[in-house]
N, C-alpha and C. Protein backbone atom coordinates (compact mmCIF):
# COMPACT_ATOMS: atom_id res chain seq x y z
N MET A 1 28.34 -49.20 43.02
CA MET A 1 27.47 -48.78 41.95
C MET A 1 28.16 -49.06 40.61
N THR A 2 27.46 -49.67 39.68
CA THR A 2 28.05 -50.00 38.39
C THR A 2 27.76 -48.90 37.39
N ALA A 3 28.67 -48.73 36.45
CA ALA A 3 28.49 -47.71 35.41
C ALA A 3 27.49 -48.23 34.38
N ARG A 4 26.56 -47.37 33.99
CA ARG A 4 25.57 -47.74 32.98
C ARG A 4 26.04 -47.30 31.61
N PRO A 5 25.74 -48.07 30.57
CA PRO A 5 26.06 -47.63 29.21
C PRO A 5 25.32 -46.32 28.93
N THR A 6 25.95 -45.46 28.17
CA THR A 6 25.37 -44.15 27.94
C THR A 6 24.74 -44.01 26.56
N GLY A 7 24.37 -45.12 25.92
CA GLY A 7 23.75 -45.04 24.60
C GLY A 7 22.43 -44.29 24.65
N LYS A 8 22.22 -43.46 23.63
CA LYS A 8 20.97 -42.71 23.57
C LYS A 8 19.95 -43.57 22.83
N PRO A 9 18.81 -43.82 23.42
CA PRO A 9 17.83 -44.69 22.76
C PRO A 9 17.22 -44.01 21.54
N PRO A 10 16.88 -44.78 20.50
CA PRO A 10 16.23 -44.19 19.33
C PRO A 10 14.81 -43.75 19.68
N ALA A 11 14.24 -42.93 18.81
CA ALA A 11 12.86 -42.47 19.00
C ALA A 11 11.92 -43.67 19.02
N ARG A 12 10.82 -43.55 19.73
CA ARG A 12 9.89 -44.67 19.90
C ARG A 12 8.62 -44.49 19.09
N LEU A 13 8.07 -45.59 18.62
CA LEU A 13 6.72 -45.61 18.06
C LEU A 13 5.78 -45.73 19.25
N ARG A 14 4.73 -44.95 19.30
CA ARG A 14 3.83 -44.97 20.44
C ARG A 14 2.37 -45.18 20.06
N LYS A 15 1.98 -44.75 18.89
CA LYS A 15 0.57 -44.82 18.49
C LYS A 15 0.27 -46.11 17.72
N ARG A 16 -0.91 -46.63 17.93
CA ARG A 16 -1.33 -47.85 17.24
C ARG A 16 -1.21 -47.71 15.73
N ALA A 17 -1.58 -46.56 15.19
CA ALA A 17 -1.52 -46.35 13.74
C ALA A 17 -0.09 -46.48 13.22
N GLU A 18 0.90 -46.05 14.02
CA GLU A 18 2.29 -46.17 13.61
C GLU A 18 2.71 -47.64 13.57
N PHE A 19 2.29 -48.41 14.56
CA PHE A 19 2.59 -49.85 14.58
C PHE A 19 1.95 -50.55 13.38
N LEU A 20 0.69 -50.20 13.09
CA LEU A 20 -0.02 -50.84 11.98
C LEU A 20 0.61 -50.47 10.64
N ALA A 21 1.11 -49.26 10.51
CA ALA A 21 1.76 -48.85 9.26
C ALA A 21 3.01 -49.69 8.99
N VAL A 22 3.75 -50.03 10.03
CA VAL A 22 4.99 -50.80 9.86
C VAL A 22 4.68 -52.22 9.39
N ARG A 23 3.49 -52.72 9.69
CA ARG A 23 3.13 -54.08 9.26
C ARG A 23 3.14 -54.24 7.75
N ARG A 24 3.01 -53.14 7.00
CA ARG A 24 3.03 -53.20 5.53
C ARG A 24 4.44 -53.46 5.01
N GLY A 25 5.44 -53.25 5.85
CA GLY A 25 6.84 -53.36 5.41
C GLY A 25 7.36 -54.79 5.40
N GLU A 26 8.66 -54.88 5.36
CA GLU A 26 9.37 -56.16 5.29
C GLU A 26 9.35 -56.86 6.65
N LYS A 27 9.25 -58.19 6.63
CA LYS A 27 9.27 -58.98 7.86
C LYS A 27 10.53 -59.84 7.87
N ARG A 28 11.28 -59.76 8.97
CA ARG A 28 12.50 -60.55 9.13
C ARG A 28 12.29 -61.45 10.33
N ARG A 29 12.08 -62.72 10.07
CA ARG A 29 11.77 -63.69 11.14
C ARG A 29 13.05 -64.27 11.72
N GLY A 30 13.02 -64.51 13.01
CA GLY A 30 14.15 -65.11 13.67
C GLY A 30 13.68 -65.97 14.83
N PRO A 31 14.58 -66.69 15.47
CA PRO A 31 14.19 -67.57 16.57
C PRO A 31 13.79 -66.82 17.84
N LEU A 32 14.28 -65.59 18.01
CA LEU A 32 14.02 -64.84 19.24
C LEU A 32 12.91 -63.80 19.09
N PHE A 33 12.73 -63.30 17.88
CA PHE A 33 11.76 -62.23 17.67
C PHE A 33 11.44 -62.11 16.18
N LEU A 34 10.38 -61.38 15.88
CA LEU A 34 10.03 -61.00 14.52
C LEU A 34 10.35 -59.52 14.41
N LEU A 35 11.05 -59.13 13.36
CA LEU A 35 11.38 -57.73 13.14
C LEU A 35 10.64 -57.26 11.90
N GLU A 36 9.80 -56.25 12.06
CA GLU A 36 9.10 -55.66 10.93
C GLU A 36 9.76 -54.32 10.64
N VAL A 37 10.06 -54.07 9.37
CA VAL A 37 10.79 -52.86 8.98
C VAL A 37 10.03 -52.16 7.87
N LEU A 38 9.84 -50.85 8.03
CA LEU A 38 9.20 -50.02 7.01
C LEU A 38 10.11 -48.85 6.69
N ASP A 39 10.46 -48.71 5.41
CA ASP A 39 11.24 -47.56 4.97
C ASP A 39 10.28 -46.42 4.72
N ARG A 40 10.36 -45.37 5.53
CA ARG A 40 9.46 -44.22 5.39
C ARG A 40 9.82 -43.36 4.20
N GLY A 41 11.08 -43.44 3.76
CA GLY A 41 11.50 -42.68 2.59
C GLY A 41 11.98 -41.28 2.92
N ASP A 42 12.04 -40.91 4.19
CA ASP A 42 12.60 -39.61 4.55
C ASP A 42 13.94 -39.85 5.24
N GLY A 43 14.65 -38.81 5.53
CA GLY A 43 15.96 -38.96 6.16
C GLY A 43 15.92 -38.77 7.67
N ALA A 44 14.73 -38.83 8.23
CA ALA A 44 14.56 -38.60 9.67
C ALA A 44 15.20 -39.75 10.46
N PRO A 45 15.49 -39.51 11.72
CA PRO A 45 16.07 -40.58 12.56
C PRO A 45 15.15 -41.80 12.62
N PRO A 46 15.74 -42.98 12.80
CA PRO A 46 14.92 -44.19 12.88
C PRO A 46 14.08 -44.20 14.15
N ARG A 47 12.97 -44.95 14.09
CA ARG A 47 12.09 -45.11 15.25
C ARG A 47 11.88 -46.60 15.47
N VAL A 48 11.62 -46.95 16.72
CA VAL A 48 11.44 -48.36 17.06
C VAL A 48 10.26 -48.52 18.01
N GLY A 49 9.57 -49.64 17.88
CA GLY A 49 8.47 -49.99 18.77
C GLY A 49 8.63 -51.44 19.21
N PHE A 50 8.12 -51.75 20.38
CA PHE A 50 8.25 -53.10 20.94
C PHE A 50 6.87 -53.62 21.28
N THR A 51 6.63 -54.89 20.99
CA THR A 51 5.37 -55.51 21.36
C THR A 51 5.61 -56.98 21.69
N VAL A 52 4.82 -57.48 22.63
CA VAL A 52 4.87 -58.88 23.01
C VAL A 52 3.42 -59.32 23.21
N THR A 53 3.00 -60.37 22.51
CA THR A 53 1.61 -60.79 22.58
C THR A 53 1.30 -61.51 23.88
N LYS A 54 0.03 -61.60 24.21
CA LYS A 54 -0.40 -62.27 25.44
C LYS A 54 -0.16 -63.77 25.41
N LYS A 55 0.04 -64.32 24.21
CA LYS A 55 0.35 -65.76 24.11
C LYS A 55 1.66 -66.11 24.80
N VAL A 56 2.54 -65.12 24.92
CA VAL A 56 3.87 -65.35 25.47
C VAL A 56 3.82 -65.60 26.97
N GLY A 57 2.91 -64.93 27.67
CA GLY A 57 2.85 -65.12 29.12
C GLY A 57 2.13 -63.99 29.80
N ASN A 58 2.28 -63.94 31.11
CA ASN A 58 1.59 -62.90 31.87
C ASN A 58 2.32 -61.56 31.73
N ALA A 59 1.81 -60.53 32.37
CA ALA A 59 2.34 -59.18 32.22
C ALA A 59 3.80 -59.09 32.68
N VAL A 60 4.15 -59.79 33.74
CA VAL A 60 5.52 -59.76 34.25
C VAL A 60 6.48 -60.31 33.20
N THR A 61 6.13 -61.44 32.61
CA THR A 61 6.96 -62.06 31.58
C THR A 61 7.08 -61.17 30.36
N ARG A 62 5.97 -60.62 29.91
CA ARG A 62 5.98 -59.75 28.72
C ARG A 62 6.83 -58.52 28.96
N ASN A 63 6.74 -57.94 30.14
CA ASN A 63 7.54 -56.75 30.44
C ASN A 63 9.02 -57.06 30.52
N ARG A 64 9.39 -58.22 31.05
CA ARG A 64 10.80 -58.62 31.10
C ARG A 64 11.36 -58.75 29.68
N ILE A 65 10.58 -59.34 28.79
CA ILE A 65 11.00 -59.48 27.39
C ILE A 65 11.18 -58.11 26.76
N ARG A 66 10.21 -57.24 26.96
CA ARG A 66 10.28 -55.89 26.40
C ARG A 66 11.50 -55.12 26.94
N ARG A 67 11.77 -55.24 28.23
CA ARG A 67 12.92 -54.55 28.82
C ARG A 67 14.24 -55.04 28.24
N ARG A 68 14.37 -56.35 28.05
CA ARG A 68 15.61 -56.90 27.47
C ARG A 68 15.80 -56.40 26.04
N LEU A 69 14.71 -56.40 25.26
CA LEU A 69 14.80 -55.93 23.88
C LEU A 69 15.16 -54.45 23.83
N ARG A 70 14.52 -53.66 24.67
CA ARG A 70 14.78 -52.22 24.70
C ARG A 70 16.25 -51.93 25.04
N GLU A 71 16.77 -52.65 26.02
CA GLU A 71 18.16 -52.45 26.43
C GLU A 71 19.12 -52.89 25.33
N ALA A 72 18.82 -53.98 24.64
CA ALA A 72 19.68 -54.44 23.54
C ALA A 72 19.71 -53.41 22.41
N VAL A 73 18.59 -52.80 22.12
CA VAL A 73 18.56 -51.77 21.09
C VAL A 73 19.34 -50.55 21.56
N ARG A 74 19.14 -50.16 22.79
CA ARG A 74 19.79 -48.95 23.31
C ARG A 74 21.32 -49.09 23.35
N THR A 75 21.80 -50.24 23.82
CA THR A 75 23.24 -50.38 24.03
C THR A 75 23.99 -50.90 22.82
N ARG A 76 23.36 -51.69 21.98
CA ARG A 76 24.12 -52.34 20.90
C ARG A 76 23.55 -52.12 19.51
N ALA A 77 22.26 -52.41 19.31
CA ALA A 77 21.71 -52.49 17.95
C ALA A 77 21.20 -51.17 17.41
N GLY A 78 21.09 -50.15 18.24
CA GLY A 78 20.56 -48.87 17.78
C GLY A 78 21.37 -48.27 16.65
N GLY A 79 22.67 -48.48 16.66
CA GLY A 79 23.53 -47.95 15.61
C GLY A 79 23.36 -48.63 14.27
N ASP A 80 22.74 -49.80 14.26
CA ASP A 80 22.54 -50.54 13.01
C ASP A 80 21.23 -50.17 12.32
N MET A 81 20.46 -49.30 12.94
CA MET A 81 19.17 -48.91 12.37
C MET A 81 19.39 -47.89 11.26
N ALA A 82 18.69 -48.06 10.14
CA ALA A 82 18.82 -47.16 9.00
C ALA A 82 17.97 -45.92 9.20
N ALA A 83 18.51 -44.77 8.81
CA ALA A 83 17.76 -43.52 8.90
C ALA A 83 16.54 -43.60 7.99
N GLY A 84 15.45 -43.01 8.42
CA GLY A 84 14.22 -43.00 7.62
C GLY A 84 13.45 -44.30 7.69
N SER A 85 13.73 -45.14 8.69
CA SER A 85 13.04 -46.43 8.81
C SER A 85 12.35 -46.54 10.16
N ASP A 86 11.26 -47.30 10.17
CA ASP A 86 10.57 -47.65 11.40
C ASP A 86 10.74 -49.13 11.62
N TYR A 87 10.95 -49.53 12.87
CA TYR A 87 11.15 -50.92 13.24
C TYR A 87 10.15 -51.29 14.33
N VAL A 88 9.52 -52.46 14.19
CA VAL A 88 8.70 -53.02 15.26
C VAL A 88 9.28 -54.39 15.58
N ILE A 89 9.59 -54.60 16.86
CA ILE A 89 10.16 -55.86 17.31
C ILE A 89 9.09 -56.59 18.10
N VAL A 90 8.70 -57.77 17.61
CA VAL A 90 7.70 -58.60 18.28
C VAL A 90 8.47 -59.69 19.02
N GLY A 91 8.54 -59.58 20.34
CA GLY A 91 9.33 -60.49 21.15
C GLY A 91 8.68 -61.84 21.34
N ARG A 92 9.52 -62.86 21.46
CA ARG A 92 9.07 -64.22 21.75
C ARG A 92 9.62 -64.64 23.10
N ARG A 93 9.08 -65.70 23.65
CA ARG A 93 9.50 -66.20 24.96
C ARG A 93 10.98 -66.57 24.98
N GLU A 94 11.53 -66.99 23.86
CA GLU A 94 12.93 -67.42 23.79
C GLU A 94 13.91 -66.29 24.13
N VAL A 95 13.45 -65.03 24.10
CA VAL A 95 14.30 -63.90 24.46
C VAL A 95 14.80 -64.05 25.90
N LEU A 96 13.98 -64.64 26.77
CA LEU A 96 14.37 -64.79 28.17
C LEU A 96 15.46 -65.83 28.37
N ASP A 97 15.52 -66.83 27.50
CA ASP A 97 16.50 -67.91 27.63
C ASP A 97 17.84 -67.58 26.97
N ALA A 98 17.84 -66.63 26.04
CA ALA A 98 19.06 -66.30 25.31
C ALA A 98 19.96 -65.42 26.17
N THR A 99 21.26 -65.56 25.97
CA THR A 99 22.18 -64.65 26.65
C THR A 99 22.01 -63.27 26.05
N PHE A 100 22.38 -62.24 26.83
CA PHE A 100 22.20 -60.88 26.34
C PHE A 100 23.07 -60.63 25.11
N ASP A 101 24.28 -61.19 25.08
CA ASP A 101 25.16 -61.02 23.91
C ASP A 101 24.54 -61.64 22.66
N ASP A 102 23.97 -62.84 22.80
CA ASP A 102 23.32 -63.49 21.65
C ASP A 102 22.13 -62.67 21.17
N LEU A 103 21.35 -62.16 22.12
CA LEU A 103 20.18 -61.35 21.77
C LEU A 103 20.62 -60.09 21.02
N ALA A 104 21.61 -59.40 21.54
CA ALA A 104 22.06 -58.16 20.91
C ALA A 104 22.68 -58.42 19.53
N ARG A 105 23.44 -59.50 19.41
CA ARG A 105 24.05 -59.85 18.13
C ARG A 105 22.99 -60.17 17.08
N GLU A 106 22.00 -60.96 17.47
CA GLU A 106 20.92 -61.32 16.54
C GLU A 106 20.12 -60.08 16.14
N LEU A 107 19.86 -59.21 17.08
CA LEU A 107 19.11 -57.99 16.80
C LEU A 107 19.88 -57.09 15.84
N SER A 108 21.17 -56.93 16.05
CA SER A 108 22.00 -56.12 15.15
C SER A 108 22.01 -56.72 13.74
N ARG A 109 22.15 -58.03 13.67
CA ARG A 109 22.21 -58.70 12.37
C ARG A 109 20.91 -58.53 11.61
N ARG A 110 19.80 -58.68 12.30
CA ARG A 110 18.49 -58.54 11.64
C ARG A 110 18.24 -57.09 11.22
N MET A 111 18.67 -56.15 12.02
CA MET A 111 18.46 -54.74 11.66
C MET A 111 19.29 -54.34 10.45
N ARG A 112 20.47 -54.92 10.32
CA ARG A 112 21.29 -54.65 9.14
C ARG A 112 20.70 -55.32 7.91
N GLY A 113 19.82 -56.29 8.12
CA GLY A 113 19.20 -56.99 7.00
C GLY A 113 19.96 -58.19 6.55
N ALA A 114 20.95 -58.62 7.30
CA ALA A 114 21.78 -59.76 6.92
C ALA A 114 20.96 -61.06 6.98
N ARG A 115 21.10 -61.85 5.98
CA ARG A 115 20.41 -63.15 5.93
C ARG A 115 21.17 -64.16 6.77
N GLN A 116 20.43 -65.18 7.22
CA GLN A 116 21.06 -66.20 8.04
C GLN A 116 21.92 -67.12 7.18
N ARG A 117 23.17 -67.30 7.57
CA ARG A 117 24.17 -68.17 6.90
C ARG A 117 23.81 -68.51 5.51
């Protein structure tokens, strides 16, 4: 049996209205995903939501992408999220081809707001 990382996942966005509200915020585009960020202006813990459109593939493919993104946030990128912010990650098919380290590194970089080179 392998040891699992013990990172506590951030709070989740669950309602459609919450996802739509984040669309008004900043968009950070990347090769693996689109990250939408909304500063709520309060000091509450950050929240995150995941979505993958039907253009990407069937339900099995979309769920695999969502699971990889969720795990990357839980184990690596969750600490880079700013308090009082909401994040929506729109996954792309390329998430499946990327190594987990590359995915987590890119996610952390985008959440910090760092620009590409």
